[in-house]
Amino acid sequence: MNTVLPTTLELHGVRLEPLGAHHADGLRAAASDGQLWQLRVTSVPAPDEVDAYIDKAIEQRPTRLAFAVIDIASGALVGTTSYHDIVPAIGRLEIGYTWYAKRWQRSHVNTSCKLLLMTHAFEALGAALVGLRTDNFNHASQAAIERLGANKDGVLRHHALRRDGTVRDTVMYSITAGEWPEIKAHLRYKLAQHGTP
């Protein structure tokens, strides 16, 4: 697999650009739309935690590459997503740390982002497998991942700490390079259903 370098990707009015300190105000506004940091099963930063959240994401390179998600038409930052747990030696990476302002949830944004990230991972980077994971109680996230066509690999029990101090089970999913063409066609179909060409 090729080295994962900071890059900018665009599709269907959505731009992914490397997350940086200049995105802090936009990220605070996105998190405040729905007070997303109050959700127990996500890792959305509270407004006063945004700067540290961005700093940590940058420090985690090269095993994580975080993106700001931008609505091109308005220029608004609508959320963030990342490649993470990048292991070039075996051609594996994961997509996660994904969240969007409440008004952008259940829109074309998540499908566009996943299509951008997976196309880049499989077709530019040469990934053999893209993984996704979520909290066992984050049923909305599990449903979204399953709508992508990802395979449910299993559950890692007692796997990670939540913000409230409890320990979550983590539900693991994956898509292989061989499965990608059919999933790509499915994502394009879903975007067409949203009215995005």
Protein backbone atom coordinates (compact mmCIF):
# COMPACT_ATOMS: atom_id res chain seq x y z
CA MET A 1 0.00 0.00 0.00
CA ASN A 2 1.20 3.50 -0.79
CA THR A 3 2.04 5.97 1.99
CA VAL A 4 -1.01 7.87 3.26
CA LEU A 5 -0.19 11.55 2.80
CA PRO A 6 -2.32 14.62 3.57
CA THR A 7 -4.58 15.21 0.58
CA THR A 8 -7.75 17.04 -0.40
CA LEU A 9 -10.67 15.14 -1.94
CA GLU A 10 -13.89 16.52 -3.49
CA LEU A 11 -17.16 14.99 -4.65
CA HIS A 12 -20.85 15.99 -4.86
CA GLY A 13 -20.33 19.38 -3.22
CA VAL A 14 -18.30 17.93 -0.34
CA ARG A 15 -14.61 18.62 0.23
CA LEU A 16 -12.34 16.71 2.60
CA GLU A 17 -9.22 18.64 3.57
CA PRO A 18 -6.57 17.84 6.19
CA LEU A 19 -7.81 18.96 9.61
CA GLY A 20 -5.80 21.84 11.06
CA ALA A 21 -5.91 24.48 13.78
CA HIS A 22 -7.68 26.92 11.43
CA HIS A 23 -10.73 24.61 11.48
CA ALA A 24 -11.29 24.99 15.23
CA ASP A 25 -14.12 27.54 15.10
CA GLY A 26 -15.94 25.58 12.41
CA LEU A 27 -15.57 22.35 14.36
CA ARG A 28 -16.95 24.03 17.49
CA ALA A 29 -19.97 25.24 15.53
CA ALA A 30 -20.55 21.79 14.03
CA ALA A 31 -20.36 20.08 17.44
CA SER A 32 -22.73 22.69 18.90
CA ASP A 33 -25.37 21.87 16.27
CA GLY A 34 -27.14 19.22 18.34
CA GLN A 35 -24.72 19.42 21.32
CA LEU A 36 -23.12 16.26 19.97
CA TRP A 37 -20.54 15.97 22.78
CA GLN A 38 -23.40 14.96 25.08
CA LEU A 39 -23.93 11.73 23.16
CA ARG A 40 -22.56 8.89 25.28
CA VAL A 41 -21.52 6.67 22.39
CA THR A 42 -19.42 9.12 20.36
CA SER A 43 -16.11 10.92 20.79
CA VAL A 44 -17.30 14.36 19.65
CA PRO A 45 -15.35 17.07 21.51
CA ALA A 46 -17.08 19.68 23.66
CA PRO A 47 -16.44 23.25 22.43
CA ASP A 48 -13.63 23.79 24.97
CA GLU A 49 -11.99 20.50 23.89
CA VAL A 50 -11.81 21.22 20.14
CA ASP A 51 -8.26 22.64 20.09
CA ALA A 52 -6.90 19.61 21.97
CA TYR A 53 -8.93 17.30 19.69
CA ILE A 54 -7.30 18.81 16.60
CA ASP A 55 -3.82 18.79 18.16
CA LYS A 56 -4.17 15.11 19.06
CA ALA A 57 -5.34 14.22 15.55
CA ILE A 58 -2.30 15.94 14.04
CA GLU A 59 0.07 14.30 16.55
CA GLN A 60 -1.25 10.86 15.56
CA ARG A 61 0.11 11.12 12.02
CA PRO A 62 1.15 8.91 10.21
CA THR A 63 -1.19 6.32 11.78
CA ARG A 64 -4.15 8.73 11.54
CA LEU A 65 -5.06 11.35 8.95
CA ALA A 66 -7.98 13.53 10.04
CA PHE A 67 -10.10 15.53 7.59
CA ALA A 68 -12.38 18.53 7.94
CA VAL A 69 -15.62 17.94 6.02
CA ILE A 70 -16.62 21.10 4.14
CA ASP A 71 -19.85 21.94 2.30
CA ILE A 72 -18.39 23.57 -0.81
CA ALA A 73 -21.42 25.72 -1.64
CA SER A 74 -21.56 27.47 1.74
CA GLY A 75 -17.97 26.96 2.87
CA ALA A 76 -19.33 25.63 6.18
CA LEU A 77 -17.44 22.98 8.12
CA VAL A 78 -20.01 20.25 8.69
CA GLY A 79 -17.96 17.65 10.57
CA THR A 80 -14.85 15.52 10.51
CA THR A 81 -13.69 12.04 9.54
CA SER A 82 -10.36 10.20 9.55
CA TYR A 83 -8.27 7.43 8.18
CA HIS A 84 -6.84 5.72 11.27
CA ASP A 85 -5.01 2.60 12.37
CA ILE A 86 -3.10 2.84 9.10
CA VAL A 87 -0.86 -0.20 8.58
CA PRO A 88 0.82 0.11 5.15
CA ALA A 89 2.76 -3.17 5.53
CA ILE A 90 -0.46 -5.19 5.28
CA GLY A 91 -2.50 -2.73 3.20
CA ARG A 92 -4.99 -1.98 5.96
CA LEU A 93 -6.55 1.20 7.26
CA GLU A 94 -9.78 2.15 8.98
CA ILE A 95 -12.25 4.98 8.51
CA GLY A 96 -13.61 6.48 11.69
CA TYR A 97 -13.68 9.40 14.13
CA THR A 98 -16.61 10.45 11.94
CA TRP A 99 -19.28 12.89 13.02
CA TYR A 100 -21.38 15.60 11.43
CA ALA A 101 -23.42 18.57 12.64
CA LYS A 102 -26.96 17.43 13.38
CA ARG A 103 -28.48 19.24 10.39
CA TRP A 104 -26.19 17.32 8.03
CA GLN A 105 -26.92 13.88 9.43
CA ARG A 106 -28.97 11.57 7.18
CA SER A 107 -28.02 13.72 4.18
CA HIS A 108 -25.77 12.91 1.20
CA VAL A 109 -22.69 13.99 3.18
CA ASN A 110 -21.81 10.68 4.86
CA THR A 111 -22.28 8.65 1.67
CA SER A 112 -20.18 11.18 -0.29
CA CYS A 113 -17.42 11.07 2.34
CA LYS A 114 -17.34 7.27 2.41
CA LEU A 115 -17.24 7.12 -1.39
CA LEU A 116 -14.36 9.63 -1.45
CA LEU A 117 -12.37 7.91 1.30
CA MET A 118 -12.85 4.37 0.04
CA THR A 119 -12.15 5.29 -3.58
CA HIS A 120 -8.90 6.95 -2.49
CA ALA A 121 -8.00 4.04 -0.17
CA PHE A 122 -8.59 1.25 -2.70
CA GLU A 123 -7.78 2.97 -5.99
CA ALA A 124 -5.02 5.46 -5.12
CA LEU A 125 -3.42 3.95 -2.02
CA GLY A 126 -3.85 0.30 -3.01
CA ALA A 127 -5.45 -0.79 0.28
CA ALA A 128 -6.35 -4.46 0.61
CA LEU A 129 -8.92 -3.82 3.35
CA VAL A 130 -10.77 -0.86 4.86
CA GLY A 131 -12.10 -1.34 8.39
CA LEU A 132 -14.81 0.53 10.30
CA ARG A 133 -15.73 0.28 13.96
CA THR A 134 -18.32 1.66 16.35
CA ASP A 135 -19.69 1.44 19.89
CA ASN A 136 -21.99 -1.52 20.49
CA PHE A 137 -24.70 0.89 21.67
CA ASN A 138 -24.32 3.24 18.70
CA HIS A 139 -27.09 1.60 16.71
CA ALA A 140 -27.38 4.51 14.24
CA SER A 141 -23.69 4.16 13.35
CA GLN A 142 -23.98 0.39 12.98
CA ALA A 143 -26.96 0.82 10.66
CA ALA A 144 -25.08 3.42 8.59
CA ILE A 145 -22.04 1.14 8.25
CA GLU A 146 -24.23 -1.81 7.30
CA ARG A 147 -26.01 0.33 4.66
CA LEU A 148 -22.59 0.81 3.06
CA GLY A 149 -22.40 -2.95 2.50
CA ALA A 150 -19.57 -3.57 4.98
CA ASN A 151 -19.11 -7.05 6.45
CA LYS A 152 -19.66 -7.37 10.21
CA ASP A 153 -16.52 -9.11 11.43
CA GLY A 154 -17.44 -9.39 15.10
CA VAL A 155 -17.35 -7.68 18.47
CA LEU A 156 -14.30 -6.84 20.57
CA ARG A 157 -15.61 -7.10 24.10
CA HIS A 158 -14.48 -4.72 26.86
CA HIS A 159 -12.42 -2.87 24.26
CA ALA A 160 -12.34 0.90 24.82
CA LEU A 161 -13.14 3.60 27.35
CA ARG A 162 -16.13 5.87 26.80
CA ARG A 163 -16.12 9.53 27.85
CA ASP A 164 -18.32 8.67 30.89
CA GLY A 165 -15.76 6.15 32.20
CA THR A 166 -17.66 3.02 31.19
CA VAL A 167 -16.02 0.46 28.92
CA ARG A 168 -17.57 -0.25 25.55
CA ASP A 169 -17.68 -3.27 23.33
CA THR A 170 -16.55 -2.38 19.79
CA VAL A 171 -18.35 -3.69 16.71
CA MET A 172 -15.89 -4.27 13.85
CA TYR A 173 -16.68 -4.14 10.13
CA SER A 174 -14.59 -4.38 6.96
CA ILE A 175 -14.62 -4.10 3.19
CA THR A 176 -12.01 -5.89 1.05
CA ALA A 177 -10.57 -4.70 -2.24
CA GLY A 178 -12.46 -7.50 -3.99
CA GLU A 179 -15.77 -6.28 -2.56
CA TRP A 180 -15.08 -2.65 -3.43
CA PRO A 181 -16.42 -2.51 -7.04
CA GLU A 182 -19.90 -3.67 -5.98
CA ILE A 183 -19.95 -1.39 -2.92
CA LYS A 184 -18.77 1.55 -5.06
CA ALA A 185 -21.66 0.93 -7.46
CA HIS A 186 -24.05 0.78 -4.49
CA LEU A 187 -22.78 4.08 -3.05
CA ARG A 188 -23.13 5.79 -6.43
CA TYR A 189 -26.69 4.47 -6.63
CA LYS A 190 -27.49 5.81 -3.16
CA LEU A 191 -26.17 9.25 -4.09
CA ALA A 192 -28.31 9.22 -7.23
CA GLN A 193 -31.32 8.52 -4.97
CA HIS A 194 -30.38 11.69 -3.03
CA GLY A 195 -30.40 13.61 -6.31
CA THR A 196 -26.62 14.02 -6.47
CA PRO A 197 -25.25 13.07 -9.90
